[in-house]
Protein backbone atom coordinates (compact mmCIF):
# COMPACT_ATOMS: atom_id res chain seq x y z
CA MET A 1 149.84 133.90 213.61
CA LYS A 2 147.99 136.57 214.79
CA ASN A 3 150.68 138.71 215.01
CA THR A 4 152.25 138.45 211.61
CA LEU A 5 151.73 141.69 209.04
CA ILE A 6 149.25 139.93 206.73
CA TYR A 7 146.81 139.11 209.40
CA ASN A 8 146.76 142.74 210.70
CA GLU A 9 146.83 143.80 207.13
CA LEU A 10 143.61 141.15 206.62
CA LEU A 11 141.80 142.22 209.54
CA SER A 12 142.40 146.20 208.90
CA ALA A 13 141.08 145.67 205.11
CA PRO A 14 137.14 146.38 206.11
CA ASN A 15 137.73 149.86 208.23
CA LEU A 16 139.70 150.94 205.64
CA ILE A 17 137.59 150.45 202.40
CA THR A 18 134.70 152.07 204.88
CA LYS A 19 136.95 154.85 205.34
CA ILE A 20 137.57 154.97 201.17
CA PHE A 21 133.70 155.18 200.73
CA GLN A 22 133.14 157.78 202.96
CA GLN A 23 135.59 160.06 201.25
CA LYS A 24 134.41 162.86 199.33
CA PRO A 25 135.13 161.85 195.57
CA VAL A 26 137.56 164.31 193.77
CA HIS A 27 136.53 163.68 190.13
CA LYS A 28 133.52 161.90 188.79
CA VAL A 29 134.78 158.45 186.98
CA GLU A 30 132.68 157.36 184.05
CA ARG A 31 132.04 153.65 183.60
CA PRO A 32 134.57 151.75 181.89
CA ASN A 33 134.39 149.86 178.68
CA ALA A 34 136.88 147.20 180.09
CA ILE A 35 139.16 146.32 182.78
CA LEU A 36 142.35 145.24 182.63
CA THR A 37 145.23 144.40 185.27
CA MET A 38 148.54 142.98 185.06
CA ALA A 39 150.31 141.12 187.63
CA ARG A 40 152.48 138.08 188.37
CA GLY A 41 152.29 135.23 190.95
CA SER A 42 149.78 135.52 193.98
CA SER A 43 148.87 138.81 192.78
CA ASP A 44 147.79 137.46 189.37
CA HIS A 45 145.83 134.96 190.98
CA ALA A 46 144.10 137.86 193.11
CA ALA A 47 143.79 139.95 189.65
CA ASN A 48 142.08 137.04 188.25
CA PHE A 49 139.60 136.56 190.82
CA PHE A 50 138.63 140.31 190.79
CA SER A 51 138.44 139.92 187.21
CA PHE A 52 135.72 137.39 187.70
CA LEU A 53 133.87 139.61 190.55
CA VAL A 54 133.83 142.66 188.04
CA MET A 55 132.16 140.70 185.26
CA LYS A 56 129.96 138.71 187.50
CA TYR A 57 128.55 141.78 189.79
CA LEU A 58 129.44 144.82 187.28
CA GLY A 59 129.12 143.18 183.79
CA ILE A 60 132.34 144.58 182.86
CA PRO A 61 134.64 142.96 180.66
CA ALA A 62 137.88 142.33 182.60
CA THR A 63 141.03 140.14 182.43
CA SER A 64 144.58 139.98 183.56
CA LEU A 65 147.36 140.45 181.03
CA SER A 66 150.78 138.91 180.90
CA PRO A 67 153.45 141.34 182.01
CA SER A 68 156.16 139.11 180.37
CA THR A 69 154.62 140.04 177.06
CA LEU A 70 155.77 143.75 177.82
CA THR A 71 158.86 143.35 179.73
CA VAL A 72 160.67 140.34 178.19
CA TYR A 73 159.46 140.36 174.57
CA ASN A 74 159.21 144.35 174.00
CA SER A 75 155.68 143.89 172.79
CA HIS A 76 153.58 146.98 172.25
CA PHE A 77 149.55 146.91 172.84
CA TYR A 78 147.25 148.66 170.41
CA ARG A 79 144.95 150.94 172.19
CA ASP A 80 142.58 153.79 170.66
CA TRP A 81 142.25 155.22 174.60
CA GLU A 82 144.43 158.14 175.69
């Protein structure tokens, strides 16, 4: 199991995150009012866990939306940003 791609990616994550945080920011990002993710399957599970961490530690509302709402049912979300 130690030579699998996912295992190697898992081991590389701490160094990659450190490298990202050491980079100089390109532009200032304001604190968001909310965070929305959209994913399916195990990616949705990860997005849901991310939402939990964001709400717990940053106090920002976060949730994972259902992709099929847009792809299968051709719905449109109301939004007042852009």
